[in-house]
Amino acid sequence: MICGALGREVKEIVDRRGWDVDIYGVSALLHLYPSRIVDELREKLHRLRPDYDRLVVVYGECGMNGRLDSLLEEVGATRLAGPHCYEMYAGADRFAAIAAERPGTFFLTDWLVRNFDRAVVRGLGLDREPELRTMLFGNYGAVLYLRQVPNTRLAEKAAEIASYLELPLEIEDVGLGELEDRLAALVDG
């Protein structure tokens, strides 16, 4: 089971490594309603449990306040280590350093750049209530795009996002960060 925000990258890893696994996803837009993530995962994991000896969940904690790990224990599944995809992509040490040095950083990934309008602007209602932008993003000091794959179009879109948020943009090429190694430890280990 994977978060849709990691779907493209996880599928690429699975295909490249030739793993014989089935992939099921849940919408990344559930992040707009963190309390619904666990309910959605519970229903899907219980449905899948009888058909699989092993269930691996590629999902961060993502604001679920420990409820995800309780669910995984309930259904006998494991998940990738990490609080969220930003930390998975940046790597634990690099993310901790960024968070300590620049706590007011708004992070982007390739998925979030591609889906910013749908997930953030429309998802948070900024298209209907534009004054919320300052309230929601006023305490950020910069945008850091943790880029998985260099792509001129996505870099331009990230610059548009930073401009919309009225924040400076920094792009850091992180590739898959620790995502692939953590996934390999679960699948191969």
C-alpha atoms as a PDB file:
ATOM      1  CA  MET A   1       0.000   0.000   0.000  1.00  0.00           C
ATOM      2  CA  ILE A   2       1.544   3.317  -1.013  1.00  0.00           C
ATOM      3  CA  CYS A   3       0.724   6.957  -0.636  1.00  0.00           C
ATOM      4  CA  GLY A   4      -0.101   8.438  -4.017  1.00  0.00           C
ATOM      5  CA  ALA A   5       2.547  11.129  -3.470  1.00  0.00           C
ATOM      6  CA  LEU A   6       5.184   8.379  -3.612  1.00  0.00           C
ATOM      7  CA  GLY A   7       3.489   6.237  -6.250  1.00  0.00           C
ATOM      8  CA  ARG A   8       5.491   7.156  -9.320  1.00  0.00           C
ATOM      9  CA  GLU A   9       8.823   6.772  -7.574  1.00  0.00           C
ATOM     10  CA  VAL A  10       7.906   3.519  -5.816  1.00  0.00           C
ATOM     11  CA  LYS A  11       6.629   2.021  -9.080  1.00  0.00           C
ATOM     12  CA  GLU A  12       9.897   2.995 -10.776  1.00  0.00           C
ATOM     13  CA  ILE A  13      11.915   1.342  -7.968  1.00  0.00           C
ATOM     14  CA  VAL A  14       9.798  -1.825  -8.094  1.00  0.00           C
ATOM     15  CA  ASP A  15      10.107  -2.080 -11.880  1.00  0.00           C
ATOM     16  CA  ARG A  16      13.852  -1.354 -11.948  1.00  0.00           C
ATOM     17  CA  ARG A  17      14.583  -3.904  -9.224  1.00  0.00           C
ATOM     18  CA  GLY A  18      12.279  -6.489 -10.764  1.00  0.00           C
ATOM     19  CA  TRP A  19      10.418  -7.157  -7.540  1.00  0.00           C
ATOM     20  CA  ASP A  20       7.414  -9.430  -7.857  1.00  0.00           C
ATOM     21  CA  VAL A  21       5.038  -7.376  -5.720  1.00  0.00           C
ATOM     22  CA  ASP A  22       1.550  -6.001  -6.089  1.00  0.00           C
ATOM     23  CA  ILE A  23       1.110  -2.275  -5.587  1.00  0.00           C
ATOM     24  CA  TYR A  24      -2.008  -0.677  -4.190  1.00  0.00           C
ATOM     25  CA  GLY A  25      -2.327   3.020  -3.586  1.00  0.00           C
ATOM     26  CA  VAL A  26      -4.355   5.551  -1.711  1.00  0.00           C
ATOM     27  CA  SER A  27      -4.888   9.122  -2.795  1.00  0.00           C
ATOM     28  CA  ALA A  28      -2.277  11.616  -1.672  1.00  0.00           C
ATOM     29  CA  LEU A  29      -5.103  14.122  -1.352  1.00  0.00           C
ATOM     30  CA  LEU A  30      -6.052  12.369   1.883  1.00  0.00           C
ATOM     31  CA  HIS A  31      -3.308  14.514   3.444  1.00  0.00           C
ATOM     32  CA  LEU A  32      -5.906  17.280   3.439  1.00  0.00           C
ATOM     33  CA  TYR A  33      -7.828  15.149   5.945  1.00  0.00           C
ATOM     34  CA  PRO A  34      -5.209  13.257   7.997  1.00  0.00           C
ATOM     35  CA  SER A  35      -7.864  11.688  10.207  1.00  0.00           C
ATOM     36  CA  ARG A  36      -9.273   9.910   7.135  1.00  0.00           C
ATOM     37  CA  ILE A  37      -5.946   8.350   6.108  1.00  0.00           C
ATOM     38  CA  VAL A  38      -6.093   5.664   8.793  1.00  0.00           C
ATOM     39  CA  ASP A  39      -9.713   4.793   8.019  1.00  0.00           C
ATOM     40  CA  GLU A  40      -8.937   4.435   4.314  1.00  0.00           C
ATOM     41  CA  LEU A  41      -5.849   2.331   5.001  1.00  0.00           C
ATOM     42  CA  ARG A  42      -7.696   0.172   7.558  1.00  0.00           C
ATOM     43  CA  GLU A  43     -10.397  -0.751   5.061  1.00  0.00           C
ATOM     44  CA  LYS A  44      -7.895  -1.555   2.298  1.00  0.00           C
ATOM     45  CA  LEU A  45      -5.411  -3.421   4.484  1.00  0.00           C
ATOM     46  CA  HIS A  46      -8.089  -5.619   6.051  1.00  0.00           C
ATOM     47  CA  ARG A  47      -9.402  -6.412   2.567  1.00  0.00           C
ATOM     48  CA  LEU A  48      -5.871  -7.337   1.372  1.00  0.00           C
ATOM     49  CA  ARG A  49      -4.766  -9.218   4.523  1.00  0.00           C
ATOM     50  CA  PRO A  50      -6.261 -12.648   3.597  1.00  0.00           C
ATOM     51  CA  ASP A  51      -4.501 -12.655   0.212  1.00  0.00           C
ATOM     52  CA  TYR A  52      -0.962 -11.787   1.340  1.00  0.00           C
ATOM     53  CA  ASP A  53       1.531 -13.194   3.806  1.00  0.00           C
ATOM     54  CA  ARG A  54       3.268  -9.841   4.019  1.00  0.00           C
ATOM     55  CA  LEU A  55       1.952  -6.296   3.734  1.00  0.00           C
ATOM     56  CA  VAL A  56       4.313  -3.335   3.383  1.00  0.00           C
ATOM     57  CA  VAL A  57       2.971   0.188   3.685  1.00  0.00           C
ATOM     58  CA  VAL A  58       4.909   3.009   2.045  1.00  0.00           C
ATOM     59  CA  TYR A  59       3.568   5.908   4.035  1.00  0.00           C
ATOM     60  CA  GLY A  60       4.991   8.380   6.510  1.00  0.00           C
ATOM     61  CA  GLU A  61       3.407   9.240   9.820  1.00  0.00           C
ATOM     62  CA  CYS A  62       1.969  12.362   8.112  1.00  0.00           C
ATOM     63  CA  GLY A  63       0.132  13.826  11.088  1.00  0.00           C
ATOM     64  CA  MET A  64      -1.656  10.662  12.160  1.00  0.00           C
ATOM     65  CA  ASN A  65      -0.370  10.916  15.749  1.00  0.00           C
ATOM     66  CA  GLY A  66       0.657   7.271  16.083  1.00  0.00           C
ATOM     67  CA  ARG A  67      -2.613   5.906  14.746  1.00  0.00           C
ATOM     68  CA  LEU A  68      -0.919   4.515  11.630  1.00  0.00           C
ATOM     69  CA  ASP A  69       1.497   2.343  13.594  1.00  0.00           C
ATOM     70  CA  SER A  70      -1.366   1.079  15.767  1.00  0.00           C
ATOM     71  CA  LEU A  71      -3.258   0.113  12.612  1.00  0.00           C
ATOM     72  CA  LEU A  72      -0.223  -1.665  11.182  1.00  0.00           C
ATOM     73  CA  GLU A  73       0.135  -3.670  14.371  1.00  0.00           C
ATOM     74  CA  GLU A  74      -3.581  -4.518  14.184  1.00  0.00           C
ATOM     75  CA  VAL A  75      -3.304  -5.916  10.630  1.00  0.00           C
ATOM     76  CA  GLY A  76       0.231  -7.309  10.875  1.00  0.00           C
ATOM     77  CA  ALA A  77       1.829  -4.940   8.378  1.00  0.00           C
ATOM     78  CA  THR A  78       5.086  -2.984   8.345  1.00  0.00           C
ATOM     79  CA  ARG A  79       5.898   0.439   6.964  1.00  0.00           C
ATOM     80  CA  LEU A  80       8.850   2.449   5.798  1.00  0.00           C
ATOM     81  CA  ALA A  81      10.544   4.380   8.558  1.00  0.00           C
ATOM     82  CA  GLY A  82      10.015   8.108   8.461  1.00  0.00           C
ATOM     83  CA  PRO A  83       7.683  10.866   9.498  1.00  0.00           C
ATOM     84  CA  HIS A  84       6.875  11.982   5.916  1.00  0.00           C
ATOM     85  CA  CYS A  85       8.137  11.895   2.350  1.00  0.00           C
ATOM     86  CA  TYR A  86      10.206  15.081   2.747  1.00  0.00           C
ATOM     87  CA  GLU A  87      12.380  13.294   5.294  1.00  0.00           C
ATOM     88  CA  MET A  88      12.500  10.143   3.153  1.00  0.00           C
ATOM     89  CA  TYR A  89      13.714  12.129   0.137  1.00  0.00           C
ATOM     90  CA  ALA A  90      16.112  14.447   1.965  1.00  0.00           C
ATOM     91  CA  GLY A  91      17.401  11.665   4.209  1.00  0.00           C
ATOM     92  CA  ALA A  92      17.129  11.637   7.985  1.00  0.00           C
ATOM     93  CA  ASP A  93      20.316  13.576   8.724  1.00  0.00           C
ATOM     94  CA  ARG A  94      19.831  16.182   5.994  1.00  0.00           C
ATOM     95  CA  PHE A  95      16.186  16.751   6.898  1.00  0.00           C
ATOM     96  CA  ALA A  96      17.045  17.138  10.594  1.00  0.00           C
ATOM     97  CA  ALA A  97      19.701  19.711   9.690  1.00  0.00           C
ATOM     98  CA  ILE A  98      17.291  21.690   7.495  1.00  0.00           C
ATOM     99  CA  ALA A  99      14.581  21.598  10.159  1.00  0.00           C
ATOM    100  CA  ALA A 100      17.034  22.779  12.814  1.00  0.00           C
ATOM    101  CA  GLU A 101      18.651  25.497  10.692  1.00  0.00           C
ATOM    102  CA  ARG A 102      15.535  26.720   8.852  1.00  0.00           C
ATOM    103  CA  PRO A 103      12.375  25.704  10.722  1.00  0.00           C
ATOM    104  CA  GLY A 104      10.190  27.972   8.563  1.00  0.00           C
ATOM    105  CA  THR A 105      10.805  26.031   5.355  1.00  0.00           C
ATOM    106  CA  PHE A 106       7.944  24.932   3.115  1.00  0.00           C
ATOM    107  CA  PHE A 107       8.928  21.763   1.264  1.00  0.00           C
ATOM    108  CA  LEU A 108       8.029  20.685  -2.244  1.00  0.00           C
ATOM    109  CA  THR A 109       8.554  17.337  -3.957  1.00  0.00           C
ATOM    110  CA  ASP A 110       8.042  16.477  -7.611  1.00  0.00           C
ATOM    111  CA  TRP A 111       4.533  15.246  -6.768  1.00  0.00           C
ATOM    112  CA  LEU A 112       3.616  18.401  -4.880  1.00  0.00           C
ATOM    113  CA  VAL A 113       4.945  20.641  -7.637  1.00  0.00           C
ATOM    114  CA  ARG A 114       2.849  18.736 -10.193  1.00  0.00           C
ATOM    115  CA  ASN A 115      -0.245  18.820  -7.974  1.00  0.00           C
ATOM    116  CA  PHE A 116       0.106  22.118  -6.093  1.00  0.00           C
ATOM    117  CA  ASP A 117      -2.954  23.750  -7.628  1.00  0.00           C
ATOM    118  CA  ARG A 118      -5.177  20.755  -6.944  1.00  0.00           C
ATOM    119  CA  ALA A 119      -3.762  19.750  -3.555  1.00  0.00           C
ATOM    120  CA  VAL A 120      -2.940  23.128  -2.037  1.00  0.00           C
ATOM    121  CA  VAL A 121      -4.703  25.960  -3.846  1.00  0.00           C
ATOM    122  CA  ARG A 122      -8.037  24.217  -4.451  1.00  0.00           C
ATOM    123  CA  GLY A 123      -7.574  21.663  -1.680  1.00  0.00           C
ATOM    124  CA  LEU A 124      -7.174  24.308   0.998  1.00  0.00           C
ATOM    125  CA  GLY A 125      -9.728  26.625  -0.592  1.00  0.00           C
ATOM    126  CA  LEU A 126      -7.227  29.326  -1.543  1.00  0.00           C
ATOM    127  CA  ASP A 127      -8.940  29.704  -4.900  1.00  0.00           C
ATOM    128  CA  ARG A 128     -12.169  30.669  -3.105  1.00  0.00           C
ATOM    129  CA  GLU A 129     -10.645  32.482  -0.138  1.00  0.00           C
ATOM    130  CA  PRO A 130      -7.299  33.942  -1.334  1.00  0.00           C
ATOM    131  CA  GLU A 131      -6.782  35.843   1.929  1.00  0.00           C
ATOM    132  CA  LEU A 132      -6.093  32.481   3.586  1.00  0.00           C
ATOM    133  CA  ARG A 133      -2.746  32.325   1.740  1.00  0.00           C
ATOM    134  CA  THR A 134      -1.138  34.804   4.153  1.00  0.00           C
ATOM    135  CA  MET A 135      -2.666  33.090   7.156  1.00  0.00           C
ATOM    136  CA  LEU A 136      -1.493  29.623   6.064  1.00  0.00           C
ATOM    137  CA  PHE A 137       1.924  30.529   4.677  1.00  0.00           C
ATOM    138  CA  GLY A 138       2.803  33.794   6.447  1.00  0.00           C
ATOM    139  CA  ASN A 139       5.193  32.150   8.903  1.00  0.00           C
ATOM    140  CA  TYR A 140       7.270  30.392   6.261  1.00  0.00           C
ATOM    141  CA  GLY A 141      10.576  31.926   5.284  1.00  0.00           C
ATOM    142  CA  ALA A 142      11.450  29.966   2.143  1.00  0.00           C
ATOM    143  CA  VAL A 143      10.452  27.176  -0.216  1.00  0.00           C
ATOM    144  CA  LEU A 144      12.798  24.220  -0.608  1.00  0.00           C
ATOM    145  CA  TYR A 145      12.096  21.987  -3.581  1.00  0.00           C
ATOM    146  CA  LEU A 146      13.513  18.530  -2.826  1.00  0.00           C
ATOM    147  CA  ARG A 147      13.723  17.517  -6.462  1.00  0.00           C
ATOM    148  CA  GLN A 148      13.627  13.854  -7.401  1.00  0.00           C
ATOM    149  CA  VAL A 149      14.373  14.268 -11.107  1.00  0.00           C
ATOM    150  CA  PRO A 150      15.798  17.369 -12.800  1.00  0.00           C
ATOM    151  CA  ASN A 151      13.030  18.722 -15.005  1.00  0.00           C
ATOM    152  CA  THR A 152      12.927  22.240 -16.420  1.00  0.00           C
ATOM    153  CA  ARG A 153       9.127  22.380 -16.488  1.00  0.00           C
ATOM    154  CA  LEU A 154       8.857  21.361 -12.831  1.00  0.00           C
ATOM    155  CA  ALA A 155      11.586  23.838 -11.831  1.00  0.00           C
ATOM    156  CA  GLU A 156       9.625  26.602 -13.557  1.00  0.00           C
ATOM    157  CA  LYS A 157       6.436  25.491 -11.813  1.00  0.00           C
ATOM    158  CA  ALA A 158       8.288  25.465  -8.452  1.00  0.00           C
ATOM    159  CA  ALA A 159       9.395  29.046  -9.138  1.00  0.00           C
ATOM    160  CA  GLU A 160       5.756  29.984  -9.839  1.00  0.00           C
ATOM    161  CA  ILE A 161       4.703  28.352  -6.563  1.00  0.00           C
ATOM    162  CA  ALA A 162       7.380  30.245  -4.611  1.00  0.00           C
ATOM    163  CA  SER A 163       6.284  33.474  -6.281  1.00  0.00           C
ATOM    164  CA  TYR A 164       2.649  32.754  -5.413  1.00  0.00           C
ATOM    165  CA  LEU A 165       3.689  32.171  -1.791  1.00  0.00           C
ATOM    166  CA  GLU A 166       5.924  35.270  -1.949  1.00  0.00           C
ATOM    167  CA  LEU A 167       8.886  33.249  -0.709  1.00  0.00           C
ATOM    168  CA  PRO A 168      12.400  32.637  -2.044  1.00  0.00           C
ATOM    169  CA  LEU A 169      12.983  29.274  -3.733  1.00  0.00           C
ATOM    170  CA  GLU A 170      15.866  26.887  -3.328  1.00  0.00           C
ATOM    171  CA  ILE A 171      16.129  23.667  -5.322  1.00  0.00           C
ATOM    172  CA  GLU A 172      18.068  20.730  -3.954  1.00  0.00           C
ATOM    173  CA  ASP A 173      18.518  17.632  -6.086  1.00  0.00           C
ATOM    174  CA  VAL A 174      17.946  14.695  -3.740  1.00  0.00           C
ATOM    175  CA  GLY A 175      16.847  11.963  -6.133  1.00  0.00           C
ATOM    176  CA  LEU A 176      15.123   9.199  -4.222  1.00  0.00           C
ATOM    177  CA  GLY A 177      17.043  10.022  -1.042  1.00  0.00           C
ATOM    178  CA  GLU A 178      16.615   7.201   1.443  1.00  0.00           C
ATOM    179  CA  LEU A 179      13.284   6.043  -0.016  1.00  0.00           C
ATOM    180  CA  GLU A 180      14.779   3.255  -2.137  1.00  0.00           C
ATOM    181  CA  ASP A 181      17.130   1.950   0.549  1.00  0.00           C
ATOM    182  CA  ARG A 182      14.355   1.890   3.146  1.00  0.00           C
ATOM    183  CA  LEU A 183      12.010   0.128   0.744  1.00  0.00           C
ATOM    184  CA  ALA A 184      14.689  -2.386  -0.252  1.00  0.00           C
ATOM    185  CA  ALA A 185      15.332  -3.171   3.421  1.00  0.00           C
ATOM    186  CA  LEU A 186      11.672  -4.118   3.807  1.00  0.00           C
ATOM    187  CA  VAL A 187      11.201  -5.965   0.513  1.00  0.00           C
ATOM    188  CA  ASP A 188      14.562  -7.752   0.311  1.00  0.00           C
ATOM    189  CA  GLY A 189      15.152  -8.000   4.059  1.00  0.00           C
END
